[in-house]
């Protein structure tokens, strides 16, 4: 788990991992380990990871939480069905229920 990554909703991580081909799914742990060693730049609600010299992975976390698979984008040739998106979601902390977009609804209900 990277301290620089925003929390990701469990459903987002599940969606991205499920979309991987079986061959890429086998490489998920290695992908998470590779991303852990890459440079991370935080700019407000956006986190940018340099996958390599030419490719960036971007996580958009309005409110501090990634709440949709579309909020994680990658510039590699296999995107959006790439390993990088699923690896970033897997490396990030798990968002607690009620955080992000859902927290306003719960607060209003009380």
C-alpha atoms as a PDB file:
ATOM      1  CA  UNK A   1       0.000   0.000   0.000  1.00  0.00           C
ATOM      2  CA  UNK A   2       1.387   3.390  -0.976  1.00  0.00           C
ATOM      3  CA  UNK A   3       0.974   6.321   1.431  1.00  0.00           C
ATOM      4  CA  UNK A   4       0.886   8.711  -1.552  1.00  0.00           C
ATOM      5  CA  UNK A   5      -2.117   7.115  -3.243  1.00  0.00           C
ATOM      6  CA  UNK A   6      -5.652   8.205  -2.436  1.00  0.00           C
ATOM      7  CA  UNK A   7      -8.095   5.607  -1.093  1.00  0.00           C
ATOM      8  CA  UNK A   8      -9.935   3.658  -3.794  1.00  0.00           C
ATOM      9  CA  UNK A   9     -13.484   2.330  -3.412  1.00  0.00           C
ATOM     10  CA  UNK A  10     -13.471  -1.489  -3.211  1.00  0.00           C
ATOM     11  CA  UNK A  11     -15.912  -1.739  -6.140  1.00  0.00           C
ATOM     12  CA  UNK A  12     -13.469   0.193  -8.337  1.00  0.00           C
ATOM     13  CA  UNK A  13     -10.585  -2.151  -7.535  1.00  0.00           C
ATOM     14  CA  UNK A  14     -12.816  -5.175  -8.120  1.00  0.00           C
ATOM     15  CA  UNK A  15     -14.005  -3.819 -11.488  1.00  0.00           C
ATOM     16  CA  UNK A  16     -10.466  -3.145 -12.709  1.00  0.00           C
ATOM     17  CA  UNK A  17      -9.087  -6.506 -11.574  1.00  0.00           C
ATOM     18  CA  UNK A  18     -12.056  -8.371 -13.039  1.00  0.00           C
ATOM     19  CA  UNK A  19     -11.496  -6.664 -16.416  1.00  0.00           C
ATOM     20  CA  UNK A  20      -7.943  -8.036 -16.670  1.00  0.00           C
ATOM     21  CA  UNK A  21      -7.229 -10.991 -18.899  1.00  0.00           C
ATOM     22  CA  UNK A  22      -6.145 -14.141 -17.039  1.00  0.00           C
ATOM     23  CA  UNK A  23      -2.556 -13.582 -18.231  1.00  0.00           C
ATOM     24  CA  UNK A  24      -2.471 -10.034 -16.826  1.00  0.00           C
ATOM     25  CA  UNK A  25      -4.236 -11.066 -13.609  1.00  0.00           C
ATOM     26  CA  UNK A  26      -1.346 -13.454 -12.893  1.00  0.00           C
ATOM     27  CA  UNK A  27       1.034 -10.485 -13.128  1.00  0.00           C
ATOM     28  CA  UNK A  28      -0.948  -8.227 -10.766  1.00  0.00           C
ATOM     29  CA  UNK A  29       1.285  -8.703  -7.704  1.00  0.00           C
ATOM     30  CA  UNK A  30       4.386  -7.890  -9.768  1.00  0.00           C
ATOM     31  CA  UNK A  31       2.615  -4.827 -11.182  1.00  0.00           C
ATOM     32  CA  UNK A  32       1.785  -3.565  -7.698  1.00  0.00           C
ATOM     33  CA  UNK A  33       5.409  -4.059  -6.630  1.00  0.00           C
ATOM     34  CA  UNK A  34       6.690  -2.210  -9.711  1.00  0.00           C
ATOM     35  CA  UNK A  35       4.410   0.789  -9.106  1.00  0.00           C
ATOM     36  CA  UNK A  36       5.538   0.988  -5.479  1.00  0.00           C
ATOM     37  CA  UNK A  37       9.010   1.953  -6.667  1.00  0.00           C
ATOM     38  CA  UNK A  38       7.935   4.555  -9.225  1.00  0.00           C
ATOM     39  CA  UNK A  39       7.890   8.344  -8.673  1.00  0.00           C
ATOM     40  CA  UNK A  40       4.569   9.787  -7.453  1.00  0.00           C
ATOM     41  CA  UNK A  41       3.477  13.417  -7.777  1.00  0.00           C
ATOM     42  CA  UNK A  42       0.449  14.687  -5.835  1.00  0.00           C
ATOM     43  CA  UNK A  43      -1.271  17.825  -7.157  1.00  0.00           C
ATOM     44  CA  UNK A  44      -4.496  18.537  -5.287  1.00  0.00           C
ATOM     45  CA  UNK A  45      -7.005  15.788  -6.094  1.00  0.00           C
ATOM     46  CA  UNK A  46      -4.753  14.299  -8.790  1.00  0.00           C
ATOM     47  CA  UNK A  47      -1.992  11.760  -8.278  1.00  0.00           C
ATOM     48  CA  UNK A  48       0.392  11.040 -11.144  1.00  0.00           C
ATOM     49  CA  UNK A  49       2.658   7.968 -11.231  1.00  0.00           C
ATOM     50  CA  UNK A  50       5.452   7.711 -13.796  1.00  0.00           C
ATOM     51  CA  UNK A  51       5.060   4.129 -15.060  1.00  0.00           C
ATOM     52  CA  UNK A  52       8.133   4.671 -17.241  1.00  0.00           C
ATOM     53  CA  UNK A  53       9.850   7.571 -18.995  1.00  0.00           C
ATOM     54  CA  UNK A  54       7.004   8.002 -21.495  1.00  0.00           C
ATOM     55  CA  UNK A  55       3.893   6.791 -19.660  1.00  0.00           C
ATOM     56  CA  UNK A  56       1.926   8.258 -16.765  1.00  0.00           C
ATOM     57  CA  UNK A  57      -0.832   6.740 -14.681  1.00  0.00           C
ATOM     58  CA  UNK A  58      -3.280   9.302 -13.265  1.00  0.00           C
ATOM     59  CA  UNK A  59      -5.696   8.889 -10.362  1.00  0.00           C
ATOM     60  CA  UNK A  60      -8.401  11.542  -9.937  1.00  0.00           C
ATOM     61  CA  UNK A  61      -9.767  11.626  -6.407  1.00  0.00           C
ATOM     62  CA  UNK A  62     -12.246  14.460  -5.968  1.00  0.00           C
ATOM     63  CA  UNK A  63     -13.009  14.625  -2.275  1.00  0.00           C
ATOM     64  CA  UNK A  64      -9.920  12.514  -1.605  1.00  0.00           C
ATOM     65  CA  UNK A  65     -11.362   9.178  -2.800  1.00  0.00           C
ATOM     66  CA  UNK A  66     -11.315   7.414  -6.170  1.00  0.00           C
ATOM     67  CA  UNK A  67     -14.951   6.433  -6.703  1.00  0.00           C
ATOM     68  CA  UNK A  68     -15.025   5.204 -10.325  1.00  0.00           C
ATOM     69  CA  UNK A  69     -12.819   3.138 -12.626  1.00  0.00           C
ATOM     70  CA  UNK A  70     -12.825   6.025 -15.114  1.00  0.00           C
ATOM     71  CA  UNK A  71     -11.003   8.133 -12.506  1.00  0.00           C
ATOM     72  CA  UNK A  72      -7.879   6.002 -13.031  1.00  0.00           C
ATOM     73  CA  UNK A  73      -6.337   6.514 -16.453  1.00  0.00           C
ATOM     74  CA  UNK A  74      -3.148   5.278 -18.061  1.00  0.00           C
ATOM     75  CA  UNK A  75      -1.230   6.433 -21.108  1.00  0.00           C
ATOM     76  CA  UNK A  76       0.099   3.008 -22.107  1.00  0.00           C
ATOM     77  CA  UNK A  77      -0.821   1.223 -25.315  1.00  0.00           C
ATOM     78  CA  UNK A  78      -3.018  -1.372 -23.568  1.00  0.00           C
ATOM     79  CA  UNK A  79      -5.144   1.177 -21.681  1.00  0.00           C
ATOM     80  CA  UNK A  80      -7.854   1.075 -20.552  1.00  0.00           C
ATOM     81  CA  UNK A  81      -7.506  -2.716 -20.196  1.00  0.00           C
ATOM     82  CA  UNK A  82      -3.967  -2.481 -18.830  1.00  0.00           C
ATOM     83  CA  UNK A  83      -2.372  -3.923 -15.736  1.00  0.00           C
ATOM     84  CA  UNK A  84      -1.290  -0.477 -14.492  1.00  0.00           C
ATOM     85  CA  UNK A  85      -4.806   0.731 -13.600  1.00  0.00           C
ATOM     86  CA  UNK A  86      -5.619  -2.430 -11.621  1.00  0.00           C
ATOM     87  CA  UNK A  87      -2.193  -2.381  -9.944  1.00  0.00           C
ATOM     88  CA  UNK A  88      -2.635   1.233  -8.803  1.00  0.00           C
ATOM     89  CA  UNK A  89      -6.092   0.494  -7.395  1.00  0.00           C
ATOM     90  CA  UNK A  90      -4.740  -2.599  -5.645  1.00  0.00           C
ATOM     91  CA  UNK A  91      -1.764  -0.689  -4.190  1.00  0.00           C
ATOM     92  CA  UNK A  92      -3.937   2.123  -2.852  1.00  0.00           C
ATOM     93  CA  UNK A  93      -5.606   2.094   0.543  1.00  0.00           C
ATOM     94  CA  UNK A  94      -9.165   0.752   0.572  1.00  0.00           C
ATOM     95  CA  UNK A  95     -11.715   3.544   0.941  1.00  0.00           C
ATOM     96  CA  UNK A  96     -13.953   3.194   3.952  1.00  0.00           C
ATOM     97  CA  UNK A  97     -17.652   2.948   3.284  1.00  0.00           C
ATOM     98  CA  UNK A  98     -19.282   6.337   3.629  1.00  0.00           C
ATOM     99  CA  UNK A  99     -16.230   8.229   2.380  1.00  0.00           C
ATOM    100  CA  UNK A 100     -16.021  10.288  -0.792  1.00  0.00           C
ATOM    101  CA  UNK A 101     -19.192  10.790  -2.806  1.00  0.00           C
ATOM    102  CA  UNK A 102     -21.371   8.813  -0.377  1.00  0.00           C
ATOM    103  CA  UNK A 103     -20.479  10.807   2.741  1.00  0.00           C
ATOM    104  CA  UNK A 104     -22.632  13.798   1.826  1.00  0.00           C
ATOM    105  CA  UNK A 105     -25.689  11.605   1.398  1.00  0.00           C
ATOM    106  CA  UNK A 106     -25.209   9.963   4.793  1.00  0.00           C
ATOM    107  CA  UNK A 107     -24.677  13.300   6.529  1.00  0.00           C
ATOM    108  CA  UNK A 108     -27.890  14.684   5.032  1.00  0.00           C
ATOM    109  CA  UNK A 109     -29.846  11.596   6.101  1.00  0.00           C
ATOM    110  CA  UNK A 110     -28.870  12.075   9.763  1.00  0.00           C
END
